[in-house]
Protein backbone atom coordinates (compact mmCIF):
# COMPACT_ATOMS: atom_id res chain seq x y z
CA MET A 1 31.98 87.27 -13.41
CA ARG A 2 35.20 88.05 -14.94
CA ILE A 3 38.10 87.92 -12.14
CA ASN A 4 40.31 90.89 -13.14
CA LEU A 5 44.05 88.94 -13.23
CA SER A 6 45.93 91.32 -12.97
CA PHE A 7 44.30 93.08 -10.29
CA VAL A 8 44.54 90.24 -8.05
CA ARG A 9 48.27 89.54 -9.20
CA ARG A 10 48.69 93.32 -8.40
CA ALA A 11 46.53 92.61 -4.80
CA GLN A 12 48.28 89.73 -3.54
CA GLN A 13 51.82 91.61 -4.43
CA ALA A 14 50.65 93.70 -1.86
CA LEU A 15 50.25 91.84 0.22
CA VAL A 16 53.51 90.09 -0.42
CA ILE A 17 55.63 93.54 0.01
CA ALA A 18 53.42 94.63 2.39
CA THR A 19 54.15 91.05 4.92
CA GLY A 20 58.52 92.08 4.05
CA LEU A 21 58.04 95.98 5.15
CA LEU A 22 58.87 97.02 9.04
CA LEU A 23 56.43 99.40 11.08
CA ALA A 24 57.99 102.43 12.82
CA VAL A 25 57.70 100.85 16.05
CA GLN A 26 60.27 101.34 18.78
CA ALA A 27 60.81 99.30 21.44
CA GLN A 28 60.01 102.10 23.94
CA ALA A 29 56.92 103.15 22.34
CA ALA A 30 53.05 102.34 24.15
CA LEU A 31 51.31 100.48 21.34
CA ASN A 32 47.84 101.68 21.59
CA ILE A 33 45.89 98.60 22.45
CA GLN A 34 41.84 99.20 22.36
CA HIS A 35 40.32 96.69 24.71
CA TRP A 36 36.51 95.60 24.82
CA GLN A 37 33.55 93.41 24.38
CA THR A 38 30.80 92.57 21.64
CA SER A 39 27.79 91.92 22.96
CA LYS A 40 27.67 88.64 22.75
CA GLY A 41 30.71 88.88 25.26
CA SER A 42 33.35 88.42 23.11
CA ALA A 43 36.25 89.73 24.52
CA VAL A 44 38.39 92.39 21.94
CA TYR A 45 41.81 93.74 20.97
CA PHE A 46 42.55 96.54 18.79
CA VAL A 47 45.64 98.87 17.70
CA GLU A 48 44.95 101.26 15.00
CA ASN A 49 47.30 101.87 12.05
CA HIS A 50 47.20 103.08 9.33
CA ASP A 51 51.19 102.64 7.36
CA LEU A 52 49.49 99.44 5.23
CA PRO A 53 46.63 98.91 3.45
CA ILE A 54 45.55 95.87 5.28
CA ILE A 55 43.68 94.40 7.38
CA ASP A 56 44.59 90.97 9.87
CA ILE A 57 42.19 89.39 12.70
CA SER A 58 42.69 86.83 14.92
CA THR A 59 39.71 84.38 16.12
CA ASN A 60 41.13 82.90 18.78
CA PHE A 61 39.35 79.82 20.90
CA ALA A 62 39.59 77.53 23.80
CA ALA A 63 39.63 74.47 21.48
CA GLY A 64 43.10 73.54 21.63
CA GLY A 65 45.01 70.60 21.81
CA ALA A 66 43.11 69.98 25.89
CA ARG A 67 40.22 69.60 24.85
CA ASP A 68 39.82 66.48 23.43
CA GLY A 69 39.85 63.94 26.14
CA ASP A 70 40.12 60.57 24.90
CA LYS A 71 39.42 61.65 21.07
CA SER A 72 42.62 62.97 19.86
CA GLY A 73 42.97 65.20 16.75
CA LEU A 74 39.30 66.11 17.59
CA SER A 75 40.48 69.61 18.44
CA GLY A 76 43.09 69.83 14.80
CA ILE A 77 40.86 68.59 12.66
CA THR A 78 37.54 70.58 13.74
CA ARG A 79 39.52 73.86 13.25
CA TYR A 80 41.03 72.29 9.58
CA LEU A 81 37.86 71.15 8.67
CA MET A 82 35.99 74.38 9.80
CA THR A 83 38.66 75.99 6.47
CA LEU A 84 37.44 73.21 4.24
CA GLY A 85 33.55 73.68 4.11
CA ALA A 86 31.53 76.52 5.12
CA GLY A 87 27.64 78.13 4.18
CA GLY A 88 27.93 75.95 1.16
CA LEU A 89 30.86 76.59 -0.24
CA THR A 90 33.44 73.98 -1.07
CA ASP A 91 37.01 73.73 0.28
CA GLN A 92 38.06 75.25 -3.46
CA GLN A 93 35.27 77.64 -3.74
CA ILE A 94 37.17 78.76 -0.60
CA SER A 95 40.92 78.45 -1.51
CA ASN A 96 39.55 80.24 -5.04
CA GLY A 97 37.10 83.15 -3.08
CA ILE A 98 39.97 84.30 -0.84
CA ALA A 99 43.12 83.94 -3.50
CA ASP A 100 40.36 86.45 -5.79
CA VAL A 101 40.92 88.90 -3.98
CA GLY A 102 44.50 88.19 -2.77
CA ALA A 103 43.72 87.98 0.90
CA ILE A 104 45.10 84.73 2.64
CA LEU A 105 43.53 83.11 5.47
CA GLY A 106 45.20 80.92 8.02
CA GLY A 107 45.12 79.07 11.88
CA GLU A 108 46.69 77.57 14.45
CA LEU A 109 46.37 74.71 17.69
CA ASP A 110 48.53 74.49 20.70
CA ALA A 111 46.66 72.54 23.59
CA ASP A 112 44.94 75.68 25.10
CA ARG A 113 43.98 77.21 21.90
CA ALA A 114 42.78 77.25 18.23
CA ALA A 115 43.28 80.38 15.40
CA LEU A 116 41.93 81.44 12.36
CA LYS A 117 43.50 83.67 10.71
CA LEU A 118 42.24 86.41 8.01
CA ARG A 119 44.61 89.08 6.21
CA THR A 120 42.86 90.86 4.13
CA LEU A 121 42.93 94.20 2.12
CA SER A 122 41.89 97.12 3.45
CA SER A 123 39.96 98.48 0.55
CA GLU A 124 35.90 97.71 0.51
CA ARG A 125 36.05 95.38 -2.73
CA GLU A 126 38.81 93.17 -1.22
CA GLN A 127 37.22 93.60 3.46
CA LYS A 128 33.63 92.26 2.15
CA ALA A 129 34.70 89.92 0.09
CA ALA A 130 37.27 88.39 2.03
CA LEU A 131 35.42 88.52 5.32
CA ASP A 132 32.59 87.32 3.70
CA ILE A 133 34.20 84.15 3.98
CA TYR A 134 35.28 84.64 6.76
CA THR A 135 32.43 84.78 8.78
CA LYS A 136 31.10 81.98 6.75
CA ILE A 137 33.79 79.30 8.33
CA LEU A 138 33.74 80.73 11.33
CA HIS A 139 29.61 80.45 11.81
CA GLN A 140 28.59 78.20 9.33
CA PRO A 141 30.94 75.19 8.95
CA ASP A 142 30.27 72.11 6.85
CA PHE A 143 32.45 69.40 7.60
CA PRO A 144 30.98 67.98 4.78
CA GLU A 145 31.49 64.11 4.54
CA ALA A 146 33.67 63.49 2.09
CA THR A 147 36.41 65.65 3.41
CA LEU A 148 36.43 64.51 6.35
CA THR A 149 37.24 60.23 4.98
CA ARG A 150 39.91 62.91 2.71
CA GLU A 151 41.25 64.71 6.00
CA LYS A 152 41.36 61.11 8.02
CA ALA A 153 43.13 59.02 5.42
CA ARG A 154 45.53 62.12 4.78
CA ILE A 155 46.80 62.79 8.83
CA ILE A 156 46.82 58.82 9.70
CA ALA A 157 49.40 58.94 7.31
CA GLY A 158 50.94 62.14 8.41
CA LEU A 159 50.91 60.65 12.17
CA LYS A 160 51.74 56.37 10.80
CA GLU A 161 54.98 58.48 9.57
CA ALA A 162 55.70 60.67 12.25
CA ALA A 163 55.52 57.17 14.98
CA THR A 164 58.86 56.02 13.20
CA GLN A 165 60.83 58.94 13.53
CA PRO A 166 63.12 59.89 15.80
CA ALA A 167 62.20 63.22 16.96
CA SER A 168 58.77 62.77 16.62
CA ILE A 169 59.11 59.83 19.10
CA ALA A 170 60.44 61.75 21.67
CA ASN A 171 58.04 64.65 21.99
CA ARG A 172 55.23 61.75 22.49
CA ALA A 173 57.29 60.20 24.98
CA PHE A 174 57.96 63.25 26.82
CA LEU A 175 54.64 64.60 27.57
CA LYS A 176 53.33 61.83 28.46
CA ALA A 177 55.94 61.40 30.62
CA LEU A 178 55.52 65.28 31.80
CA TYR A 179 52.05 65.50 31.62
CA GLY A 180 51.09 61.87 32.67
CA ASN A 181 47.33 61.76 32.65
CA HIS A 182 46.59 65.62 32.24
CA PRO A 183 44.75 66.48 29.11
CA TYR A 184 48.84 68.54 28.48
CA ALA A 185 49.67 65.56 27.70
CA VAL A 186 48.40 64.70 24.58
CA GLU A 187 49.57 65.84 21.33
CA GLU A 188 47.04 67.63 19.20
CA ASP A 189 47.67 65.34 16.30
CA GLY A 190 45.56 62.56 17.76
CA GLU A 191 46.91 58.53 16.83
CA PRO A 192 45.68 56.65 14.33
CA GLU A 193 43.24 54.58 16.13
CA SER A 194 41.77 58.29 17.25
CA VAL A 195 41.71 59.70 14.43
CA ASN A 196 40.32 57.02 12.37
CA ALA A 197 36.96 56.70 15.20
CA LEU A 198 36.40 60.23 14.60
CA VAL A 199 32.92 61.17 13.11
CA ARG A 200 31.10 64.53 11.60
CA ASP A 201 29.28 64.82 14.93
CA ASP A 202 31.98 64.78 16.27
CA LEU A 203 33.31 67.34 15.42
CA GLN A 204 30.49 69.11 14.95
CA GLN A 205 29.08 68.95 19.06
CA PHE A 206 33.24 70.27 19.53
CA TYR A 207 32.14 73.04 17.58
CA HIS A 208 29.28 74.05 19.67
CA GLN A 209 30.92 73.57 21.95
CA TYR A 210 33.73 75.86 22.19
CA TYR A 211 33.06 78.00 19.09
CA GLY A 212 31.37 79.82 21.16
CA ALA A 213 30.59 83.13 21.73
CA LYS A 214 32.01 83.85 25.01
CA ASN A 215 34.96 81.51 24.85
CA ALA A 216 35.84 83.67 22.13
CA VAL A 217 39.56 86.09 21.95
CA ILE A 218 38.67 88.29 18.37
CA ALA A 219 42.26 90.41 17.73
CA LEU A 220 42.05 92.93 15.04
CA MET A 221 45.51 95.07 13.87
CA GLY A 222 45.62 97.77 10.59
CA ASP A 223 44.30 99.75 8.51
CA LEU A 224 40.90 100.09 9.97
CA THR A 225 39.19 103.08 12.46
CA PRO A 226 37.37 102.10 15.98
CA GLU A 227 34.51 101.94 15.05
CA GLN A 228 34.83 99.53 11.70
CA ALA A 229 36.57 97.33 13.72
CA ARG A 230 33.58 97.35 16.25
CA THR A 231 31.59 96.03 13.70
CA ILE A 232 33.39 93.69 12.43
CA ALA A 233 33.96 92.78 15.65
CA GLU A 234 30.53 92.91 16.48
CA ARG A 235 30.12 91.04 12.90
CA ILE A 236 32.37 88.00 13.94
CA SER A 237 30.93 87.60 17.45
CA SER A 238 27.20 87.47 17.06
CA GLY A 239 27.05 84.66 14.04
CA LEU A 240 29.27 82.09 16.90
CA PRO A 241 27.44 79.23 19.05
CA ASP A 242 26.43 80.51 21.68
CA SER A 243 27.14 77.92 24.14
CA PRO A 244 29.27 78.37 27.84
CA ALA A 245 32.60 80.09 28.01
CA ALA A 246 34.76 76.95 28.46
CA ALA A 247 35.31 75.62 32.26
CA ALA A 248 39.59 76.50 32.79
CA LEU A 249 41.86 73.57 32.96
CA PRO A 250 42.23 71.04 35.72
CA GLU A 251 46.21 72.33 37.78
CA VAL A 252 49.18 70.67 36.80
CA GLY A 253 51.23 68.26 39.51
CA TYR A 254 55.00 67.92 39.77
CA PRO A 255 56.57 65.08 39.39
CA GLN A 256 56.92 62.98 42.20
CA ALA A 257 60.27 61.43 41.72
CA ALA A 258 62.44 61.33 38.58
CA VAL A 259 60.85 59.63 35.62
CA GLU A 260 63.16 58.29 32.63
CA ARG A 261 61.96 56.80 29.18
CA ARG A 262 64.41 55.19 27.25
CA ILE A 263 62.93 53.96 23.92
CA ALA A 264 65.34 51.84 21.14
CA HIS A 265 65.75 53.58 17.64
CA PRO A 266 68.13 52.19 15.04
CA ALA A 267 68.82 56.46 14.41
CA SER A 268 72.32 57.23 14.31
CA GLN A 269 71.60 60.59 16.39
CA SER A 270 70.29 59.70 19.93
CA HIS A 271 67.47 62.36 21.02
CA ILE A 272 67.48 63.35 24.49
CA MET A 273 65.13 65.55 26.07
CA LEU A 274 64.93 66.48 30.25
CA GLY A 275 62.29 69.33 31.72
CA TYR A 276 60.30 69.30 34.12
CA PRO A 277 56.65 71.57 34.44
CA GLY A 278 57.65 75.54 33.89
CA ALA A 279 55.37 78.48 34.31
CA LYS A 280 51.88 79.49 33.71
CA ARG A 281 50.64 82.89 31.51
CA GLY A 282 51.18 85.94 33.70
CA ASP A 283 53.42 84.06 35.58
CA PRO A 284 55.20 86.42 38.53
CA ASP A 285 58.56 84.34 37.95
CA TYR A 286 58.09 84.17 34.46
CA PHE A 287 60.24 87.26 33.69
CA ALA A 288 63.56 85.70 36.49
CA LEU A 289 62.35 82.69 34.75
CA TYR A 290 63.11 84.07 30.53
CA VAL A 291 66.07 86.22 31.47
CA GLY A 292 67.96 83.33 33.47
CA ASN A 293 66.61 80.51 29.89
CA TYR A 294 67.96 82.99 28.10
CA ILE A 295 71.74 82.46 30.12
CA LEU A 296 70.94 78.90 30.36
CA GLY A 297 70.36 77.65 26.68
CA GLY A 298 67.78 80.23 25.56
CA GLY A 299 70.40 82.03 23.89
CA GLY A 300 71.99 80.28 21.58
CA PHE A 301 75.58 80.17 20.70
CA VAL A 302 76.60 82.17 23.84
CA SER A 303 74.07 79.65 26.68
CA ARG A 304 75.90 78.37 29.73
CA LEU A 305 75.11 74.59 27.51
CA THR A 306 76.13 75.73 24.40
CA GLU A 307 80.20 77.06 26.06
CA GLU A 308 79.98 72.71 28.00
CA VAL A 309 77.63 70.82 25.72
CA ARG A 310 78.48 71.95 22.01
CA GLU A 311 82.51 74.65 22.68
CA LYS A 312 84.12 72.56 24.95
CA ARG A 313 83.23 68.67 24.45
CA GLY A 314 82.33 68.44 20.70
CA LEU A 315 78.95 66.31 22.12
CA ALA A 316 76.16 68.25 20.28
CA TYR A 317 75.15 70.73 17.38
CA SER A 318 72.92 72.09 18.77
CA VAL A 319 71.57 72.18 22.53
CA TYR A 320 68.40 74.35 23.27
CA SER A 321 66.06 75.01 26.52
CA TYR A 322 63.19 76.92 26.67
CA PHE A 323 60.28 77.88 28.99
CA LEU A 324 56.50 77.52 27.77
CA PRO A 325 54.15 79.16 29.19
CA MET A 326 50.67 78.48 29.41
CA GLN A 327 47.27 78.33 30.91
CA GLN A 328 48.81 76.13 33.73
CA LEU A 329 52.02 75.10 34.01
CA GLY A 330 53.64 74.55 30.41
CA GLN A 331 57.12 72.74 29.73
CA PHE A 332 61.07 73.31 31.14
CA GLN A 333 62.70 71.43 28.46
CA VAL A 334 66.58 70.74 27.43
CA GLY A 335 66.31 69.36 24.42
CA LEU A 336 69.84 67.97 21.99
CA GLN A 337 70.46 65.22 19.34
CA THR A 338 74.17 63.58 19.84
CA LYS A 339 75.82 60.93 18.66
CA ARG A 340 74.48 57.09 20.16
CA ASP A 341 78.21 56.39 21.71
CA GLN A 342 78.24 60.09 23.39
CA ALA A 343 74.82 59.68 24.64
CA GLU A 344 75.81 59.41 28.44
CA ASP A 345 78.31 61.43 28.76
CA ALA A 346 76.15 64.04 27.01
CA LEU A 347 72.76 63.43 29.14
CA LYS A 348 75.05 63.02 32.58
CA LEU A 349 76.87 66.62 31.55
CA VAL A 350 73.50 68.12 30.69
CA ARG A 351 72.45 67.41 35.05
CA GLU A 352 75.06 68.91 36.10
CA THR A 353 75.06 72.05 34.24
CA LEU A 354 71.37 71.98 34.77
CA ALA A 355 71.55 71.58 38.23
CA ASN A 356 75.01 74.09 38.61
CA PHE A 357 72.94 76.93 36.83
CA ILE A 358 69.91 76.06 39.81
CA SER A 359 72.48 75.73 42.56
CA LYS A 360 75.04 78.91 41.83
CA GLY A 361 72.68 80.70 39.22
CA VAL A 362 74.43 83.08 37.52
CA THR A 363 77.11 86.17 37.12
CA GLU A 364 76.87 89.75 36.63
CA ALA A 365 78.11 89.79 33.42
CA GLU A 366 76.09 86.97 32.18
CA LEU A 367 73.36 89.13 32.77
CA LYS A 368 74.00 91.97 31.67
CA ALA A 369 74.65 90.27 27.88
CA ALA A 370 71.47 88.62 28.46
CA LYS A 371 70.10 92.17 29.14
CA GLN A 372 71.49 94.03 26.67
CA ASN A 373 70.76 90.90 23.54
CA ILE A 374 67.03 91.10 25.15
CA ILE A 375 66.42 94.11 24.66
CA GLY A 376 68.66 94.87 21.78
CA GLY A 377 66.12 91.91 20.18
CA PHE A 378 62.84 93.90 20.75
CA PRO A 379 62.11 96.11 17.67
CA LEU A 380 62.35 92.98 15.52
CA ARG A 381 59.34 91.27 17.81
CA ILE A 382 56.80 93.62 16.69
CA ASP A 383 57.91 94.41 13.60
CA SER A 384 54.65 93.22 11.36
CA ASN A 385 51.18 93.61 11.29
CA SER A 386 51.66 89.99 12.18
CA ARG A 387 54.04 90.27 14.45
CA ILE A 388 51.87 92.49 16.70
CA LEU A 389 48.31 90.61 16.16
CA ASP A 390 49.90 87.17 17.64
CA TYR A 391 50.61 89.47 20.70
CA LEU A 392 46.98 91.09 20.63
CA ALA A 393 46.16 87.34 20.57
CA VAL A 394 48.55 86.93 23.49
CA ILE A 395 47.06 88.84 25.52
CA GLY A 396 43.39 88.51 24.90
CA PHE A 397 43.27 85.30 25.39
CA TYR A 398 46.26 85.24 28.46
CA LYS A 399 44.14 88.15 30.07
CA LEU A 400 47.60 89.90 30.35
CA PRO A 401 47.99 93.77 31.02
CA LEU A 402 47.58 95.85 27.66
CA THR A 403 50.32 97.44 28.98
CA TYR A 404 52.49 93.81 28.38
CA LEU A 405 54.23 94.85 25.33
CA GLU A 406 54.93 98.10 27.01
CA GLU A 407 55.98 96.97 30.05
CA PHE A 408 58.12 94.27 28.82
CA ASN A 409 62.28 95.77 28.07
CA GLY A 410 61.38 97.52 31.84
CA LYS A 411 60.44 93.87 33.34
CA VAL A 412 63.12 91.97 31.49
CA ASP A 413 66.18 95.45 32.65
CA ALA A 414 65.13 95.18 36.42
CA VAL A 415 65.54 91.06 36.83
CA THR A 416 68.16 90.92 38.73
CA ALA A 417 70.69 87.68 39.53
CA ALA A 418 69.25 86.46 42.83
CA GLN A 419 65.41 86.59 41.28
CA ILE A 420 66.17 84.14 38.95
CA LYS A 421 68.28 82.09 40.98
CA ASP A 422 65.31 82.07 43.87
CA ALA A 423 63.44 81.58 40.57
CA PHE A 424 65.08 78.41 38.76
CA SER A 425 65.95 76.54 42.60
CA ARG A 426 61.65 77.26 43.96
CA ARG A 427 60.09 76.33 40.42
CA ILE A 428 62.49 73.17 38.55
CA ASP A 429 64.11 70.42 41.26
CA PRO A 430 67.05 68.78 38.94
CA ASP A 431 66.24 66.06 41.36
CA LYS A 432 62.70 64.29 39.92
CA LEU A 433 63.81 65.55 36.08
CA VAL A 434 61.50 63.73 33.20
CA THR A 435 64.43 62.10 30.76
CA VAL A 436 63.36 60.29 27.72
CA VAL A 437 66.37 59.37 25.24
CA VAL A 438 65.44 57.62 21.82
CA GLY A 439 68.07 55.75 19.96
CA GLY A 440 70.20 52.85 20.34
CA SER A 441 69.47 49.63 22.16
CA ASN A 442 67.20 49.14 25.86
């Protein structure tokens, strides 16, 4: 079949242009999120929008790194190899088929979930061709032996390189120190030894266990009618395995005492991480913690940590803090890099700033400014199809209210200084922090 190259170029250009366009969604406007279940039990979340001739799809599974067990890296290589051979198509045929209709195939992986994404033009020919490939990937992954061997070698080489980098060393050590034997302690990329030991049967078993219809959340966004969305969702769901939904992950425990780990490294900068188990998705303290963290270290140059560590004392170019809510308690983390001979001063100052923040809370002026910045920036959080799709996936996967985006600004605005102080004092114990320092000598 002859490919119309000029059409392909126009289609690809249309997608590139579409990606940069903003949706006419105001912060106050409610997104009409439609929700239903397929006949096989997959949850579906859909927003109809005909402003652009594109469709975005994300199929999410409880198949993240926390499901690896003693085979770290299994979740990541399974999700990735699904796109490199399916239904008899080679990785090159998949790549060419997607490119020929100007579509984009992607995916994501974290500790909780794995996702496979598709963006395609909504026109019949292009949509059909892209969906044919997408559903083959979801329903009929081949996991070719030669591809597995090749990708294992590539992944192992990357892991060995990462093992020499202070940022990677610090992150792995931090997760292990924070989570101990909990599944969240495992890096999604795995370890060289565990990746090397993986065989095709491991990937097939993981797929059949975790990529079932009852374990799937399908998010759709864009130029579709509700009837078309239902048809696509049924098509995706119907070909998935019949395995049961994954069990909930075990609860995360809190540190019984402070933990500190120092790792020697010849880098000129010391990498410092401090943290504590933070919050779950849907946590009742989420908005108090979110707004409070903006003031503490999430607001960039207007945060307390930046003011104390960078502006007043010049101990680091950048210092940050964040909460990463997950199915179970995700991490609260403070991080920075500093000169090796300043590491002790910087670490002491960060601890003092955090302890002071927890004990004394925030000022009304800080709270007012934080709310204005968060609410003022909210439209940028939902300014494109792809960003709304990501929110749909999160809302669906974590079973958040359908009104989550509609109510976001109101919940931010309702946060009080007393609520922030109360939430931080209950949720973060500055005397039991986990600390990792990479750099300098033991």
